[in-house]
Amino acid sequence: MEKYYTRACNFYFGKSSLNKVRQKKSIPLNGNKYLSFDSIEIINRKFNKTINISEIQKQNYSLKKKILKDLKTLKKKKYFRGLNLKNSPIIMGILNLTPDSFSDGGKFNKKNKSLKHAKKLIEQGSKIIDIGGESTRPGSKTISEKVEWNRISYILKNRSKLKCFVSLDTRKSKIIEKGINYKIDIINDVSGFTFDNRTLSLLKKNKTPFVINHCQGIPETMQKKPKYSNVLLDVYDYFENKINQLRKIGIKHNNIILDPGIGFGKNLKHNITLISKVSIFHSLGFPIMLGLSRKKFIEILSGNNTSKKRLGGTISSNLFALMQGVEILRVHDVNEMKQSIKIFKRLFY
């Protein structure tokens, strides 16, 4: 039996969206009347077609049943414990406490600098701070738990001074366990819980919210000829299977975020496909997060720019993600990203 996927597309914003919704010519995405769509792309592994929502009833029975089921999910409001998704996109500020991260390694990994920068990111508009003590850039190697903990322990011990959500970017269960003891709000494991087989049991025991990341391979080798049958559908199936796996082991809560992992085991074509059609993941019913900040694809598309000179590409790609309803944007340059979102919304709303 063929499997079909439903992607919301042809979005409207602000007053234009509100008028379309009132006229019943578009459907609010996640219950937001200021962001709606009037078309859907129907995809399987052999073909795809785009139809207006007025044409749904004309589809064959099995396809119509699938579309209506997905539309029910697409229209439903999303929730995540402690986060106000109504004000999306939410900015997640990146705090790399590493000497070798691809764009800001060594810049904030001293104790006084780490806490000062975290507070600055919050002042600039971060609702979440993502703290990492191990670089997972392409080609990076695993470090010991001791080294990783030494890098992040100071700021976690000062967790109470950070008046926002705190995310812990780590692959190691012992680091996760210590982080939970310091009231970490979210676990962001880029390996998709494959690096450490103890992680899932720990998350289940503590009912800790988390991000499901997609990554093909490990950071050390992930960019060496990554291959997919269909990157968009392969990543979708990965998320769906992972969620089913979590349910089977007893993780029943819905405090889950999905991150397709741009640059993690993907070439330029894979990344562009995922970004351009990221709205497909809304039909899974969980908030979507994208980490596009200063990524390599920006340099490839725009020309010879180092990782520190990719702000323009970061902003434009994140605004594109906003236009597809992505709820969380993970960025380095919080002030500039927040400014661009304010201007964008003011123009549309």
C-alpha atoms as a PDB file:
ATOM      1  CA  MET A   1       0.000   0.000   0.000  1.00  0.00           C
ATOM      2  CA  GLU A   2       1.395   3.396  -0.999  1.00  0.00           C
ATOM      3  CA  LYS A   3       2.194   5.852   1.751  1.00  0.00           C
ATOM      4  CA  TYR A   4       1.163   9.474   1.218  1.00  0.00           C
ATOM      5  CA  TYR A   5       2.451  12.605   2.926  1.00  0.00           C
ATOM      6  CA  THR A   6       0.665  15.948   3.262  1.00  0.00           C
ATOM      7  CA  ARG A   7       2.538  19.264   3.168  1.00  0.00           C
ATOM      8  CA  ALA A   8       0.775  22.557   3.864  1.00  0.00           C
ATOM      9  CA  CYS A   9       1.823  25.194   1.326  1.00  0.00           C
ATOM     10  CA  ASN A  10       0.914  28.557  -0.227  1.00  0.00           C
ATOM     11  CA  PHE A  11       0.830  30.468   3.038  1.00  0.00           C
ATOM     12  CA  TYR A  12      -0.801  33.797   3.921  1.00  0.00           C
ATOM     13  CA  PHE A  13       0.257  36.155   6.704  1.00  0.00           C
ATOM     14  CA  GLY A  14      -1.206  38.803   8.954  1.00  0.00           C
ATOM     15  CA  LYS A  15      -4.323  40.625   7.797  1.00  0.00           C
ATOM     16  CA  SER A  16      -4.311  38.836   4.455  1.00  0.00           C
ATOM     17  CA  SER A  17      -4.431  35.501   6.270  1.00  0.00           C
ATOM     18  CA  LEU A  18      -7.156  36.672   8.641  1.00  0.00           C
ATOM     19  CA  ASN A  19      -9.341  37.725   5.710  1.00  0.00           C
ATOM     20  CA  LYS A  20      -8.766  34.424   3.898  1.00  0.00           C
ATOM     21  CA  VAL A  21      -9.678  32.448   7.011  1.00  0.00           C
ATOM     22  CA  ARG A  22     -12.868  34.491   7.530  1.00  0.00           C
ATOM     23  CA  GLN A  23     -13.839  33.770   3.931  1.00  0.00           C
ATOM     24  CA  LYS A  24     -13.044  30.074   4.515  1.00  0.00           C
ATOM     25  CA  LYS A  25     -10.541  30.186   1.686  1.00  0.00           C
ATOM     26  CA  SER A  26      -7.580  29.158   3.834  1.00  0.00           C
ATOM     27  CA  ILE A  27      -6.902  27.014   6.901  1.00  0.00           C
ATOM     28  CA  PRO A  28      -5.149  28.363  10.033  1.00  0.00           C
ATOM     29  CA  LEU A  29      -1.880  26.551  10.669  1.00  0.00           C
ATOM     30  CA  ASN A  30      -1.782  25.285  14.259  1.00  0.00           C
ATOM     31  CA  GLY A  31      -4.856  27.375  15.058  1.00  0.00           C
ATOM     32  CA  ASN A  32      -3.151  30.656  14.145  1.00  0.00           C
ATOM     33  CA  LYS A  33      -5.504  32.777  12.004  1.00  0.00           C
ATOM     34  CA  TYR A  34      -2.615  35.073  11.130  1.00  0.00           C
ATOM     35  CA  LEU A  35      -0.749  32.236   9.396  1.00  0.00           C
ATOM     36  CA  SER A  36      -2.823  30.078   7.081  1.00  0.00           C
ATOM     37  CA  PHE A  37      -2.579  28.019   3.899  1.00  0.00           C
ATOM     38  CA  ASP A  38      -4.917  27.316   1.005  1.00  0.00           C
ATOM     39  CA  SER A  39      -3.075  24.463  -0.733  1.00  0.00           C
ATOM     40  CA  ILE A  40      -1.498  21.136   0.101  1.00  0.00           C
ATOM     41  CA  GLU A  41       1.190  19.165  -1.634  1.00  0.00           C
ATOM     42  CA  ILE A  42       0.430  15.457  -1.765  1.00  0.00           C
ATOM     43  CA  ILE A  43       3.656  13.466  -1.918  1.00  0.00           C
ATOM     44  CA  ASN A  44       4.679   9.846  -2.165  1.00  0.00           C
ATOM     45  CA  ARG A  45       7.888   8.222  -3.375  1.00  0.00           C
ATOM     46  CA  LYS A  46       6.735   8.157  -6.997  1.00  0.00           C
ATOM     47  CA  PHE A  47       5.029  11.497  -7.566  1.00  0.00           C
ATOM     48  CA  ASN A  48       3.765  14.705  -6.005  1.00  0.00           C
ATOM     49  CA  LYS A  49       0.957  17.101  -6.814  1.00  0.00           C
ATOM     50  CA  THR A  50      -0.367  20.327  -5.316  1.00  0.00           C
ATOM     51  CA  ILE A  51      -4.083  20.953  -4.920  1.00  0.00           C
ATOM     52  CA  ASN A  52      -6.205  23.739  -3.480  1.00  0.00           C
ATOM     53  CA  ILE A  53      -8.098  22.848  -0.300  1.00  0.00           C
ATOM     54  CA  SER A  54     -11.325  23.187  -2.310  1.00  0.00           C
ATOM     55  CA  GLU A  55     -10.280  20.109  -4.307  1.00  0.00           C
ATOM     56  CA  ILE A  56      -9.865  17.726  -1.358  1.00  0.00           C
ATOM     57  CA  GLN A  57     -13.328  16.205  -1.717  1.00  0.00           C
ATOM     58  CA  LYS A  58     -12.553  15.290  -5.337  1.00  0.00           C
ATOM     59  CA  GLN A  59      -9.717  12.918  -4.354  1.00  0.00           C
ATOM     60  CA  ASN A  60     -10.180   9.155  -4.155  1.00  0.00           C
ATOM     61  CA  TYR A  61     -11.430   7.736  -0.859  1.00  0.00           C
ATOM     62  CA  SER A  62      -8.138   6.507   0.645  1.00  0.00           C
ATOM     63  CA  LEU A  63      -6.248   9.671  -0.293  1.00  0.00           C
ATOM     64  CA  LYS A  64      -9.032  11.936   0.963  1.00  0.00           C
ATOM     65  CA  LYS A  65      -9.077  10.016   4.264  1.00  0.00           C
ATOM     66  CA  LYS A  66      -5.329  10.535   4.674  1.00  0.00           C
ATOM     67  CA  ILE A  67      -5.525  14.255   3.810  1.00  0.00           C
ATOM     68  CA  LEU A  68      -8.389  14.919   6.222  1.00  0.00           C
ATOM     69  CA  LYS A  69      -6.525  13.128   9.004  1.00  0.00           C
ATOM     70  CA  ASP A  70      -3.431  15.266   8.406  1.00  0.00           C
ATOM     71  CA  LEU A  71      -5.488  18.454   8.155  1.00  0.00           C
ATOM     72  CA  LYS A  72      -6.895  17.742  11.594  1.00  0.00           C
ATOM     73  CA  THR A  73      -3.320  17.729  12.923  1.00  0.00           C
ATOM     74  CA  LEU A  74      -2.312  20.791  10.902  1.00  0.00           C
ATOM     75  CA  LYS A  75      -5.207  22.848  12.300  1.00  0.00           C
ATOM     76  CA  LYS A  76      -4.636  21.817  15.911  1.00  0.00           C
ATOM     77  CA  LYS A  77      -2.764  24.132  18.290  1.00  0.00           C
ATOM     78  CA  LYS A  78       0.631  22.849  19.411  1.00  0.00           C
ATOM     79  CA  TYR A  79       1.728  22.916  23.024  1.00  0.00           C
ATOM     80  CA  PHE A  80       5.082  22.555  24.757  1.00  0.00           C
ATOM     81  CA  ARG A  81       5.466  22.807  28.507  1.00  0.00           C
ATOM     82  CA  GLY A  82       6.480  26.309  29.554  1.00  0.00           C
ATOM     83  CA  LEU A  83       6.830  27.768  26.041  1.00  0.00           C
ATOM     84  CA  ASN A  84       4.374  30.206  24.517  1.00  0.00           C
ATOM     85  CA  LEU A  85       4.138  28.969  20.930  1.00  0.00           C
ATOM     86  CA  LYS A  86       1.606  31.687  20.095  1.00  0.00           C
ATOM     87  CA  ASN A  87       4.512  34.127  19.878  1.00  0.00           C
ATOM     88  CA  SER A  88       6.522  32.022  17.473  1.00  0.00           C
ATOM     89  CA  PRO A  89       9.047  31.967  16.138  1.00  0.00           C
ATOM     90  CA  ILE A  90      10.839  31.549  19.441  1.00  0.00           C
ATOM     91  CA  ILE A  91      14.533  32.403  19.394  1.00  0.00           C
ATOM     92  CA  MET A  92      16.965  29.838  20.798  1.00  0.00           C
ATOM     93  CA  GLY A  93      20.301  31.547  21.447  1.00  0.00           C
ATOM     94  CA  ILE A  94      23.424  29.439  20.968  1.00  0.00           C
ATOM     95  CA  LEU A  95      26.005  29.330  23.759  1.00  0.00           C
ATOM     96  CA  ASN A  96      28.976  27.239  22.627  1.00  0.00           C
ATOM     97  CA  LEU A  97      31.386  26.653  25.497  1.00  0.00           C
ATOM     98  CA  THR A  98      33.916  24.926  23.265  1.00  0.00           C
ATOM     99  CA  PRO A  99      37.305  25.813  21.788  1.00  0.00           C
ATOM    100  CA  ASP A 100      36.500  24.313  18.373  1.00  0.00           C
ATOM    101  CA  SER A 101      32.909  25.108  17.330  1.00  0.00           C
ATOM    102  CA  PHE A 102      32.797  26.073  13.653  1.00  0.00           C
ATOM    103  CA  SER A 103      32.049  29.796  14.013  1.00  0.00           C
ATOM    104  CA  ASP A 104      32.584  30.897  17.618  1.00  0.00           C
ATOM    105  CA  GLY A 105      34.860  28.288  19.161  1.00  0.00           C
ATOM    106  CA  GLY A 106      36.778  29.607  22.158  1.00  0.00           C
ATOM    107  CA  LYS A 107      34.919  32.910  22.238  1.00  0.00           C
ATOM    108  CA  PHE A 108      32.760  32.313  25.318  1.00  0.00           C
ATOM    109  CA  ASN A 109      34.258  29.296  27.081  1.00  0.00           C
ATOM    110  CA  LYS A 110      35.696  31.234  30.016  1.00  0.00           C
ATOM    111  CA  LYS A 111      33.479  31.306  33.117  1.00  0.00           C
ATOM    112  CA  ASN A 112      32.813  35.031  33.311  1.00  0.00           C
ATOM    113  CA  LYS A 113      32.316  35.337  29.544  1.00  0.00           C
ATOM    114  CA  SER A 114      29.873  32.422  29.357  1.00  0.00           C
ATOM    115  CA  LEU A 115      27.431  33.805  31.918  1.00  0.00           C
ATOM    116  CA  LYS A 116      27.749  37.353  30.587  1.00  0.00           C
ATOM    117  CA  HIS A 117      27.023  36.228  27.018  1.00  0.00           C
ATOM    118  CA  ALA A 118      24.075  34.087  28.126  1.00  0.00           C
ATOM    119  CA  LYS A 119      22.520  37.110  29.863  1.00  0.00           C
ATOM    120  CA  LYS A 120      23.165  39.206  26.761  1.00  0.00           C
ATOM    121  CA  LEU A 121      21.375  36.665  24.549  1.00  0.00           C
ATOM    122  CA  ILE A 122      18.394  36.768  26.913  1.00  0.00           C
ATOM    123  CA  GLU A 123      18.325  40.581  26.897  1.00  0.00           C
ATOM    124  CA  GLN A 124      18.372  40.533  23.107  1.00  0.00           C
ATOM    125  CA  GLY A 125      15.332  38.269  22.916  1.00  0.00           C
ATOM    126  CA  SER A 126      16.295  34.633  23.447  1.00  0.00           C
ATOM    127  CA  LYS A 127      13.539  32.635  25.134  1.00  0.00           C
ATOM    128  CA  ILE A 128      15.795  29.578  25.163  1.00  0.00           C
ATOM    129  CA  ILE A 129      19.553  29.309  25.684  1.00  0.00           C
ATOM    130  CA  ASP A 130      21.160  26.194  24.192  1.00  0.00           C
ATOM    131  CA  ILE A 131      24.321  25.323  26.133  1.00  0.00           C
ATOM    132  CA  GLY A 132      26.886  23.001  24.577  1.00  0.00           C
ATOM    133  CA  GLY A 133      30.285  21.801  25.761  1.00  0.00           C
ATOM    134  CA  GLU A 134      31.135  19.481  22.868  1.00  0.00           C
ATOM    135  CA  SER A 135      31.444  20.581  19.256  1.00  0.00           C
ATOM    136  CA  THR A 136      29.474  18.441  16.799  1.00  0.00           C
ATOM    137  CA  ARG A 137      30.581  20.309  13.693  1.00  0.00           C
ATOM    138  CA  PRO A 138      31.490  18.160  10.654  1.00  0.00           C
ATOM    139  CA  GLY A 139      34.765  16.363  11.328  1.00  0.00           C
ATOM    140  CA  SER A 140      34.711  16.899  15.094  1.00  0.00           C
ATOM    141  CA  LYS A 141      35.759  14.114  17.451  1.00  0.00           C
ATOM    142  CA  THR A 142      34.145  12.911  20.660  1.00  0.00           C
ATOM    143  CA  ILE A 143      35.511  14.307  23.917  1.00  0.00           C
ATOM    144  CA  SER A 144      35.374  12.780  27.397  1.00  0.00           C
ATOM    145  CA  GLU A 145      32.524  13.375  29.826  1.00  0.00           C
ATOM    146  CA  LYS A 146      34.969  14.986  32.232  1.00  0.00           C
ATOM    147  CA  VAL A 147      36.150  17.560  29.694  1.00  0.00           C
ATOM    148  CA  GLU A 148      32.603  18.318  28.552  1.00  0.00           C
ATOM    149  CA  TRP A 149      31.330  18.748  32.098  1.00  0.00           C
ATOM    150  CA  ASN A 150      34.230  21.023  33.060  1.00  0.00           C
ATOM    151  CA  ARG A 151      33.253  23.332  30.199  1.00  0.00           C
ATOM    152  CA  ILE A 152      29.592  23.671  31.134  1.00  0.00           C
ATOM    153  CA  SER A 153      29.464  23.084  34.905  1.00  0.00           C
ATOM    154  CA  TYR A 154      29.959  26.746  35.884  1.00  0.00           C
ATOM    155  CA  ILE A 155      27.015  28.059  33.904  1.00  0.00           C
ATOM    156  CA  LEU A 156      24.744  25.181  34.935  1.00  0.00           C
ATOM    157  CA  LYS A 157      25.561  25.848  38.571  1.00  0.00           C
ATOM    158  CA  ASN A 158      24.442  29.419  37.894  1.00  0.00           C
ATOM    159  CA  ARG A 159      21.256  28.223  36.207  1.00  0.00           C
ATOM    160  CA  SER A 160      19.086  30.312  38.552  1.00  0.00           C
ATOM    161  CA  LYS A 161      20.609  33.505  37.121  1.00  0.00           C
ATOM    162  CA  LEU A 162      19.308  32.686  33.643  1.00  0.00           C
ATOM    163  CA  LYS A 163      15.687  33.831  33.543  1.00  0.00           C
ATOM    164  CA  CYS A 164      14.690  31.752  30.538  1.00  0.00           C
ATOM    165  CA  PHE A 165      14.383  28.202  29.254  1.00  0.00           C
ATOM    166  CA  VAL A 166      17.702  26.378  29.247  1.00  0.00           C
ATOM    167  CA  SER A 167      18.493  23.639  26.743  1.00  0.00           C
ATOM    168  CA  LEU A 168      21.434  21.277  27.147  1.00  0.00           C
ATOM    169  CA  ASP A 169      23.167  20.272  23.917  1.00  0.00           C
ATOM    170  CA  THR A 170      24.820  16.932  24.702  1.00  0.00           C
ATOM    171  CA  ARG A 171      24.929  13.293  23.597  1.00  0.00           C
ATOM    172  CA  LYS A 172      25.999  11.788  26.930  1.00  0.00           C
ATOM    173  CA  SER A 173      23.611  10.410  29.563  1.00  0.00           C
ATOM    174  CA  LYS A 174      25.847  11.320  32.515  1.00  0.00           C
ATOM    175  CA  ILE A 175      25.930  14.937  31.361  1.00  0.00           C
ATOM    176  CA  ILE A 176      22.149  14.832  30.852  1.00  0.00           C
ATOM    177  CA  GLU A 177      21.664  13.433  34.362  1.00  0.00           C
ATOM    178  CA  LYS A 178      23.741  16.204  35.913  1.00  0.00           C
ATOM    179  CA  GLY A 179      21.915  18.781  33.806  1.00  0.00           C
ATOM    180  CA  ILE A 180      18.534  17.539  35.014  1.00  0.00           C
ATOM    181  CA  ASN A 181      19.744  18.011  38.587  1.00  0.00           C
ATOM    182  CA  TYR A 182      20.365  21.671  37.726  1.00  0.00           C
ATOM    183  CA  LYS A 183      16.801  22.120  36.395  1.00  0.00           C
ATOM    184  CA  ILE A 184      17.564  21.956  32.675  1.00  0.00           C
ATOM    185  CA  ASP A 185      14.340  22.435  30.674  1.00  0.00           C
ATOM    186  CA  ILE A 186      15.148  20.649  27.409  1.00  0.00           C
ATOM    187  CA  ILE A 187      17.634  18.021  26.248  1.00  0.00           C
ATOM    188  CA  ASN A 188      19.001  18.614  22.746  1.00  0.00           C
ATOM    189  CA  ASP A 189      20.844  15.433  21.689  1.00  0.00           C
ATOM    190  CA  VAL A 190      22.023  15.806  18.084  1.00  0.00           C
ATOM    191  CA  SER A 191      22.515  12.043  17.763  1.00  0.00           C
ATOM    192  CA  GLY A 192      18.791  11.329  18.072  1.00  0.00           C
ATOM    193  CA  PHE A 193      19.522   9.301  21.250  1.00  0.00           C
ATOM    194  CA  THR A 194      21.726   6.810  19.357  1.00  0.00           C
ATOM    195  CA  PHE A 195      25.073   7.804  20.907  1.00  0.00           C
ATOM    196  CA  ASP A 196      24.289   6.659  24.459  1.00  0.00           C
ATOM    197  CA  ASN A 197      21.816   3.800  25.012  1.00  0.00           C
ATOM    198  CA  ARG A 198      21.077   4.978  28.575  1.00  0.00           C
ATOM    199  CA  THR A 199      19.679   8.357  27.474  1.00  0.00           C
ATOM    200  CA  LEU A 200      16.118   7.291  26.664  1.00  0.00           C
ATOM    201  CA  SER A 201      15.586   5.480  29.973  1.00  0.00           C
ATOM    202  CA  LEU A 202      16.845   8.600  31.761  1.00  0.00           C
ATOM    203  CA  LEU A 203      14.475  10.877  29.841  1.00  0.00           C
ATOM    204  CA  LYS A 204      11.594   8.498  30.534  1.00  0.00           C
ATOM    205  CA  LYS A 205      12.331   8.363  34.254  1.00  0.00           C
ATOM    206  CA  ASN A 206      12.481  12.170  34.602  1.00  0.00           C
ATOM    207  CA  LYS A 207       9.796  13.002  31.992  1.00  0.00           C
ATOM    208  CA  THR A 208      12.236  15.535  30.581  1.00  0.00           C
ATOM    209  CA  PRO A 209      11.262  17.495  27.441  1.00  0.00           C
ATOM    210  CA  PHE A 210      13.592  16.967  24.498  1.00  0.00           C
ATOM    211  CA  VAL A 211      14.431  17.605  20.855  1.00  0.00           C
ATOM    212  CA  ILE A 212      14.413  14.753  18.358  1.00  0.00           C
ATOM    213  CA  ASN A 213      17.265  15.533  15.978  1.00  0.00           C
ATOM    214  CA  HIS A 214      17.972  13.869  12.671  1.00  0.00           C
ATOM    215  CA  CYS A 215      21.590  13.097  11.871  1.00  0.00           C
ATOM    216  CA  GLN A 216      22.921  10.587   9.371  1.00  0.00           C
ATOM    217  CA  GLY A 217      26.139   9.129  10.779  1.00  0.00           C
ATOM    218  CA  ILE A 218      28.379  10.715  13.410  1.00  0.00           C
ATOM    219  CA  PRO A 219      29.922  14.218  13.324  1.00  0.00           C
ATOM    220  CA  GLU A 220      33.375  12.864  12.491  1.00  0.00           C
ATOM    221  CA  THR A 221      32.210  11.280   9.215  1.00  0.00           C
ATOM    222  CA  MET A 222      28.647  12.521   8.557  1.00  0.00           C
ATOM    223  CA  GLN A 223      29.565  14.784   5.639  1.00  0.00           C
ATOM    224  CA  LYS A 224      31.363  12.067   3.668  1.00  0.00           C
ATOM    225  CA  LYS A 225      28.918  11.339   0.826  1.00  0.00           C
ATOM    226  CA  PRO A 226      25.582  11.292   2.697  1.00  0.00           C
ATOM    227  CA  LYS A 227      22.884   9.405   0.749  1.00  0.00           C
ATOM    228  CA  TYR A 228      19.079   9.249   0.894  1.00  0.00           C
ATOM    229  CA  SER A 229      16.365   7.632  -1.172  1.00  0.00           C
ATOM    230  CA  ASN A 230      14.288  10.803  -0.709  1.00  0.00           C
ATOM    231  CA  VAL A 231      15.703  13.103   1.966  1.00  0.00           C
ATOM    232  CA  LEU A 232      12.387  14.794   2.787  1.00  0.00           C
ATOM    233  CA  LEU A 233      10.436  11.579   3.191  1.00  0.00           C
ATOM    234  CA  ASP A 234      13.320   9.678   4.770  1.00  0.00           C
ATOM    235  CA  VAL A 235      13.629  12.298   7.523  1.00  0.00           C
ATOM    236  CA  TYR A 236       9.826  12.342   7.962  1.00  0.00           C
ATOM    237  CA  ASP A 237       9.790   8.546   8.345  1.00  0.00           C
ATOM    238  CA  TYR A 238      12.679   8.773  10.794  1.00  0.00           C
ATOM    239  CA  PHE A 239      10.693  11.151  13.006  1.00  0.00           C
ATOM    240  CA  GLU A 240       7.548   9.048  12.768  1.00  0.00           C
ATOM    241  CA  ASN A 241       9.428   5.841  13.643  1.00  0.00           C
ATOM    242  CA  LYS A 242      11.293   7.537  16.483  1.00  0.00           C
ATOM    243  CA  ILE A 243       8.041   8.844  17.995  1.00  0.00           C
ATOM    244  CA  ASN A 244       6.518   5.353  17.764  1.00  0.00           C
ATOM    245  CA  GLN A 245       9.617   3.938  19.448  1.00  0.00           C
ATOM    246  CA  LEU A 246       9.333   6.469  22.272  1.00  0.00           C
ATOM    247  CA  ARG A 247       5.670   5.604  22.814  1.00  0.00           C
ATOM    248  CA  LYS A 248       6.479   1.900  22.983  1.00  0.00           C
ATOM    249  CA  ILE A 249       9.027   2.378  25.754  1.00  0.00           C
ATOM    250  CA  GLY A 250       6.574   4.470  27.769  1.00  0.00           C
ATOM    251  CA  ILE A 251       7.396   8.105  26.944  1.00  0.00           C
ATOM    252  CA  LYS A 252       3.847   9.419  26.630  1.00  0.00           C
ATOM    253  CA  HIS A 253       4.253  13.187  27.014  1.00  0.00           C
ATOM    254  CA  ASN A 254       4.133  15.552  24.035  1.00  0.00           C
ATOM    255  CA  ASN A 255       6.914  17.913  25.125  1.00  0.00           C
ATOM    256  CA  ILE A 256       8.859  17.075  21.993  1.00  0.00           C
ATOM    257  CA  ILE A 257      10.497  19.288  19.353  1.00  0.00           C
ATOM    258  CA  LEU A 258      11.556  18.088  15.887  1.00  0.00           C
ATOM    259  CA  ASP A 259      14.811  19.237  14.251  1.00  0.00           C
ATOM    260  CA  PRO A 260      15.589  17.889  10.742  1.00  0.00           C
ATOM    261  CA  GLY A 261      19.293  18.536  11.330  1.00  0.00           C
ATOM    262  CA  ILE A 262      20.433  20.893   8.584  1.00  0.00           C
ATOM    263  CA  GLY A 263      24.095  20.147   7.849  1.00  0.00           C
ATOM    264  CA  PHE A 264      24.121  16.925   9.853  1.00  0.00           C
ATOM    265  CA  GLY A 265      24.779  14.223   7.285  1.00  0.00           C
ATOM    266  CA  LYS A 266      23.330  16.249   4.387  1.00  0.00           C
ATOM    267  CA  ASN A 267      24.807  17.783   1.257  1.00  0.00           C
ATOM    268  CA  LEU A 268      23.686  21.089  -0.267  1.00  0.00           C
ATOM    269  CA  LYS A 269      20.803  19.552  -2.222  1.00  0.00           C
ATOM    270  CA  HIS A 270      19.543  17.697   0.871  1.00  0.00           C
ATOM    271  CA  ASN A 271      19.657  20.867   2.973  1.00  0.00           C
ATOM    272  CA  ILE A 272      17.849  23.015   0.401  1.00  0.00           C
ATOM    273  CA  THR A 273      15.138  20.373  -0.055  1.00  0.00           C
ATOM    274  CA  LEU A 274      14.508  20.170   3.690  1.00  0.00           C
ATOM    275  CA  ILE A 275      14.443  23.941   4.195  1.00  0.00           C
ATOM    276  CA  SER A 276      12.239  24.628   1.181  1.00  0.00           C
ATOM    277  CA  LYS A 277       9.657  22.006   2.200  1.00  0.00           C
ATOM    278  CA  VAL A 278      10.069  22.047   5.983  1.00  0.00           C
ATOM    279  CA  SER A 279       6.303  22.570   6.477  1.00  0.00           C
ATOM    280  CA  ILE A 280       5.780  18.848   5.795  1.00  0.00           C
ATOM    281  CA  PHE A 281       6.795  18.135   9.397  1.00  0.00           C
ATOM    282  CA  HIS A 282       3.801  20.065  10.772  1.00  0.00           C
ATOM    283  CA  SER A 283       1.639  17.041   9.983  1.00  0.00           C
ATOM    284  CA  LEU A 284       3.492  15.151  12.739  1.00  0.00           C
ATOM    285  CA  GLY A 285       1.944  17.548  15.267  1.00  0.00           C
ATOM    286  CA  PHE A 286       5.057  18.756  17.144  1.00  0.00           C
ATOM    287  CA  PRO A 287       6.920  22.097  17.147  1.00  0.00           C
ATOM    288  CA  ILE A 288       9.656  22.367  14.517  1.00  0.00           C
ATOM    289  CA  MET A 289      13.108  23.766  15.207  1.00  0.00           C
ATOM    290  CA  LEU A 290      15.705  24.736  12.615  1.00  0.00           C
ATOM    291  CA  GLY A 291      19.388  25.477  13.113  1.00  0.00           C
ATOM    292  CA  LEU A 292      20.411  27.463  10.035  1.00  0.00           C
ATOM    293  CA  SER A 293      22.695  29.996  11.671  1.00  0.00           C
ATOM    294  CA  ARG A 294      26.011  30.515   9.824  1.00  0.00           C
ATOM    295  CA  LYS A 295      25.750  27.083   8.192  1.00  0.00           C
ATOM    296  CA  LYS A 296      27.946  26.008   5.280  1.00  0.00           C
ATOM    297  CA  PHE A 297      25.093  26.009   2.738  1.00  0.00           C
ATOM    298  CA  ILE A 298      25.005  29.817   3.020  1.00  0.00           C
ATOM    299  CA  GLU A 299      28.632  30.070   1.911  1.00  0.00           C
ATOM    300  CA  ILE A 300      28.097  27.650  -0.986  1.00  0.00           C
ATOM    301  CA  LEU A 301      25.046  29.506  -2.284  1.00  0.00           C
ATOM    302  CA  SER A 302      26.315  33.045  -1.765  1.00  0.00           C
ATOM    303  CA  GLY A 303      30.013  32.737  -2.569  1.00  0.00           C
ATOM    304  CA  ASN A 304      33.193  32.948  -0.550  1.00  0.00           C
ATOM    305  CA  ASN A 305      32.077  33.924   2.957  1.00  0.00           C
ATOM    306  CA  THR A 306      33.576  32.651   6.200  1.00  0.00           C
ATOM    307  CA  SER A 307      31.349  31.374   8.999  1.00  0.00           C
ATOM    308  CA  LYS A 308      31.531  34.792  10.705  1.00  0.00           C
ATOM    309  CA  LYS A 309      30.193  36.556   7.591  1.00  0.00           C
ATOM    310  CA  ARG A 310      26.980  34.636   6.951  1.00  0.00           C
ATOM    311  CA  LEU A 311      24.520  36.879   8.756  1.00  0.00           C
ATOM    312  CA  GLY A 312      22.586  37.842   5.631  1.00  0.00           C
ATOM    313  CA  GLY A 313      22.073  34.219   4.630  1.00  0.00           C
ATOM    314  CA  THR A 314      21.161  33.323   8.191  1.00  0.00           C
ATOM    315  CA  ILE A 315      18.441  35.972   8.340  1.00  0.00           C
ATOM    316  CA  SER A 316      16.983  35.254   4.897  1.00  0.00           C
ATOM    317  CA  SER A 317      16.808  31.482   5.428  1.00  0.00           C
ATOM    318  CA  ASN A 318      15.269  31.900   8.881  1.00  0.00           C
ATOM    319  CA  LEU A 319      12.629  34.304   7.570  1.00  0.00           C
ATOM    320  CA  PHE A 320      11.803  31.719   4.917  1.00  0.00           C
ATOM    321  CA  ALA A 321      11.389  29.164   7.713  1.00  0.00           C
ATOM    322  CA  LEU A 322       9.143  31.604   9.588  1.00  0.00           C
ATOM    323  CA  MET A 323       6.972  31.812   6.463  1.00  0.00           C
ATOM    324  CA  GLN A 324       6.419  28.051   6.726  1.00  0.00           C
ATOM    325  CA  GLY A 325       5.433  28.211  10.379  1.00  0.00           C
ATOM    326  CA  VAL A 326       8.660  26.963  11.975  1.00  0.00           C
ATOM    327  CA  GLU A 327       8.285  27.622  15.694  1.00  0.00           C
ATOM    328  CA  ILE A 328      11.883  27.699  16.976  1.00  0.00           C
ATOM    329  CA  LEU A 329      14.933  29.272  15.321  1.00  0.00           C
ATOM    330  CA  ARG A 330      18.355  28.363  16.725  1.00  0.00           C
ATOM    331  CA  VAL A 331      20.755  31.260  16.075  1.00  0.00           C
ATOM    332  CA  HIS A 332      24.019  32.907  17.114  1.00  0.00           C
ATOM    333  CA  ASP A 333      23.072  36.509  16.254  1.00  0.00           C
ATOM    334  CA  VAL A 334      19.991  36.989  18.402  1.00  0.00           C
ATOM    335  CA  ASN A 335      19.688  40.770  18.199  1.00  0.00           C
ATOM    336  CA  GLU A 336      19.805  40.840  14.404  1.00  0.00           C
ATOM    337  CA  MET A 337      17.423  37.890  14.070  1.00  0.00           C
ATOM    338  CA  LYS A 338      14.936  39.378  16.523  1.00  0.00           C
ATOM    339  CA  GLN A 339      15.092  42.701  14.694  1.00  0.00           C
ATOM    340  CA  SER A 340      14.400  41.087  11.320  1.00  0.00           C
ATOM    341  CA  ILE A 341      11.398  39.172  12.709  1.00  0.00           C
ATOM    342  CA  LYS A 342       9.914  42.353  14.210  1.00  0.00           C
ATOM    343  CA  ILE A 343      10.202  44.200  10.898  1.00  0.00           C
ATOM    344  CA  PHE A 344       8.839  41.245   8.935  1.00  0.00           C
ATOM    345  CA  LYS A 345       5.808  40.913  11.203  1.00  0.00           C
ATOM    346  CA  ARG A 346       5.145  44.651  11.233  1.00  0.00           C
ATOM    347  CA  LEU A 347       5.068  44.723   7.431  1.00  0.00           C
ATOM    348  CA  PHE A 348       2.662  41.784   7.218  1.00  0.00           C
ATOM    349  CA  TYR A 349       0.559  42.300  10.330  1.00  0.00           C
END
